[in-house]
Amino acid sequence: TNLVLSAIFLGVTTLSTGALLTIALLSGLINAFFIAFFNLIPFGIFDGQKVFGWNKTVWAVAFLLSLALAAYNFSRVGWLF
């Protein structure tokens, strides 16, 4: 869900400016990195352990997608700080 939300916010960034652009960038970053990436870590109580145990291919695709979305969002958010 967080990967889908991040992709939606990424789409919103192409159509927006000003405050909406900032909100969309930060929301995409939060969903891709701070929620999806950390939940996909395959250790302990994170959901990544369950997904990794169920299907390693699905885990790898989701993990790499969260990294790619996070990296793209980080590259675009850099100008905010």
C-alpha atoms as a PDB file:
ATOM      1  CA  THR A   1       0.000   0.000   0.000  1.00  0.00           C
ATOM      2  CA  ASN A   2       2.782   2.416   0.854  1.00  0.00           C
ATOM      3  CA  LEU A   3       4.516   1.765  -2.460  1.00  0.00           C
ATOM      4  CA  VAL A   4       1.290   2.517  -4.327  1.00  0.00           C
ATOM      5  CA  LEU A   5       0.778   5.694  -2.302  1.00  0.00           C
ATOM      6  CA  SER A   6       4.345   6.769  -2.995  1.00  0.00           C
ATOM      7  CA  ALA A   7       3.827   6.227  -6.732  1.00  0.00           C
ATOM      8  CA  ILE A   8       0.591   8.243  -6.624  1.00  0.00           C
ATOM      9  CA  PHE A   9       2.332  11.120  -4.841  1.00  0.00           C
ATOM     10  CA  LEU A  10       5.112  10.903  -7.422  1.00  0.00           C
ATOM     11  CA  GLY A  11       2.492  11.386 -10.126  1.00  0.00           C
ATOM     12  CA  VAL A  12       1.030  14.342  -8.247  1.00  0.00           C
ATOM     13  CA  THR A  13       4.461  16.010  -8.170  1.00  0.00           C
ATOM     14  CA  THR A  14       4.526  16.172 -11.956  1.00  0.00           C
ATOM     15  CA  LEU A  15       1.304  18.187 -11.977  1.00  0.00           C
ATOM     16  CA  SER A  16       1.784  20.467  -8.998  1.00  0.00           C
ATOM     17  CA  THR A  17       3.751  23.487  -7.836  1.00  0.00           C
ATOM     18  CA  GLY A  18       4.308  25.373  -4.614  1.00  0.00           C
ATOM     19  CA  ALA A  19       2.985  23.970  -1.368  1.00  0.00           C
ATOM     20  CA  LEU A  20       1.226  21.029  -3.034  1.00  0.00           C
ATOM     21  CA  LEU A  21       4.511  20.006  -4.651  1.00  0.00           C
ATOM     22  CA  THR A  22       6.277  20.093  -1.284  1.00  0.00           C
ATOM     23  CA  ILE A  23       3.520  18.080   0.398  1.00  0.00           C
ATOM     24  CA  ALA A  24       3.480  15.500  -2.405  1.00  0.00           C
ATOM     25  CA  LEU A  25       7.277  15.115  -2.340  1.00  0.00           C
ATOM     26  CA  LEU A  26       7.415  14.683   1.411  1.00  0.00           C
ATOM     27  CA  SER A  27       4.433  12.315   1.423  1.00  0.00           C
ATOM     28  CA  GLY A  28       6.021  10.191  -1.280  1.00  0.00           C
ATOM     29  CA  LEU A  29       9.291  10.090   0.641  1.00  0.00           C
ATOM     30  CA  ILE A  30       7.595   9.156   3.901  1.00  0.00           C
ATOM     31  CA  ASN A  31       5.608   6.360   2.261  1.00  0.00           C
ATOM     32  CA  ALA A  32       8.516   4.960   0.222  1.00  0.00           C
ATOM     33  CA  PHE A  33      11.333   5.160   2.709  1.00  0.00           C
ATOM     34  CA  PHE A  34      10.188   5.671   6.246  1.00  0.00           C
ATOM     35  CA  ILE A  35       7.258   3.239   6.064  1.00  0.00           C
ATOM     36  CA  ALA A  36       7.693   0.791   3.140  1.00  0.00           C
ATOM     37  CA  PHE A  37      11.473   0.393   3.331  1.00  0.00           C
ATOM     38  CA  PHE A  38      11.614  -0.082   7.084  1.00  0.00           C
ATOM     39  CA  ASN A  39       8.656  -2.477   7.112  1.00  0.00           C
ATOM     40  CA  LEU A  40      10.343  -4.600   4.421  1.00  0.00           C
ATOM     41  CA  ILE A  41      13.476  -5.187   6.491  1.00  0.00           C
ATOM     42  CA  PRO A  42      13.489  -8.999   6.945  1.00  0.00           C
ATOM     43  CA  PHE A  43      14.243  -9.038  10.678  1.00  0.00           C
ATOM     44  CA  GLY A  44      12.325  -9.213  13.920  1.00  0.00           C
ATOM     45  CA  ILE A  45       8.820  -7.850  14.046  1.00  0.00           C
ATOM     46  CA  PHE A  46       8.853  -6.143  10.642  1.00  0.00           C
ATOM     47  CA  ASP A  47       6.539  -7.384   7.884  1.00  0.00           C
ATOM     48  CA  GLY A  48       9.566  -8.002   5.681  1.00  0.00           C
ATOM     49  CA  GLN A  49      10.348 -11.159   7.635  1.00  0.00           C
ATOM     50  CA  LYS A  50       6.922 -12.599   6.798  1.00  0.00           C
ATOM     51  CA  VAL A  51       7.144 -11.625   3.118  1.00  0.00           C
ATOM     52  CA  PHE A  52      10.739 -12.892   2.859  1.00  0.00           C
ATOM     53  CA  GLY A  53       9.700 -16.239   4.363  1.00  0.00           C
ATOM     54  CA  TRP A  54       6.714 -16.481   2.023  1.00  0.00           C
ATOM     55  CA  ASN A  55       8.302 -15.481  -1.300  1.00  0.00           C
ATOM     56  CA  LYS A  56      11.802 -14.109  -1.696  1.00  0.00           C
ATOM     57  CA  THR A  57      11.148 -12.825  -5.226  1.00  0.00           C
ATOM     58  CA  VAL A  58       8.154 -10.746  -4.143  1.00  0.00           C
ATOM     59  CA  TRP A  59      10.172  -9.413  -1.215  1.00  0.00           C
ATOM     60  CA  ALA A  60      13.122  -8.474  -3.478  1.00  0.00           C
ATOM     61  CA  VAL A  61      10.898  -6.668  -5.991  1.00  0.00           C
ATOM     62  CA  ALA A  62       9.058  -4.735  -3.269  1.00  0.00           C
ATOM     63  CA  PHE A  63      12.294  -3.913  -1.421  1.00  0.00           C
ATOM     64  CA  LEU A  64      14.051  -2.687  -4.570  1.00  0.00           C
ATOM     65  CA  LEU A  65      10.991  -0.695  -5.610  1.00  0.00           C
ATOM     66  CA  SER A  66      10.881   1.000  -2.208  1.00  0.00           C
ATOM     67  CA  LEU A  67      14.587   1.837  -2.508  1.00  0.00           C
ATOM     68  CA  ALA A  68      14.146   3.222  -6.029  1.00  0.00           C
ATOM     69  CA  LEU A  69      11.155   5.368  -5.043  1.00  0.00           C
ATOM     70  CA  ALA A  70      12.942   6.571  -1.909  1.00  0.00           C
ATOM     71  CA  ALA A  71      16.101   7.449  -3.850  1.00  0.00           C
ATOM     72  CA  TYR A  72      14.104   9.359  -6.453  1.00  0.00           C
ATOM     73  CA  ASN A  73      12.138  11.214  -3.795  1.00  0.00           C
ATOM     74  CA  PHE A  74      15.326  11.997  -1.844  1.00  0.00           C
ATOM     75  CA  SER A  75      16.863  13.445  -5.009  1.00  0.00           C
ATOM     76  CA  ARG A  76      13.853  15.712  -5.533  1.00  0.00           C
ATOM     77  CA  VAL A  77      13.387  16.660  -1.873  1.00  0.00           C
ATOM     78  CA  GLY A  78      17.017  17.758  -1.513  1.00  0.00           C
ATOM     79  CA  TRP A  79      16.211  21.269  -2.707  1.00  0.00           C
ATOM     80  CA  LEU A  80      13.756  21.712   0.188  1.00  0.00           C
ATOM     81  CA  PHE A  81      16.489  21.585   2.785  1.00  0.00           C
END
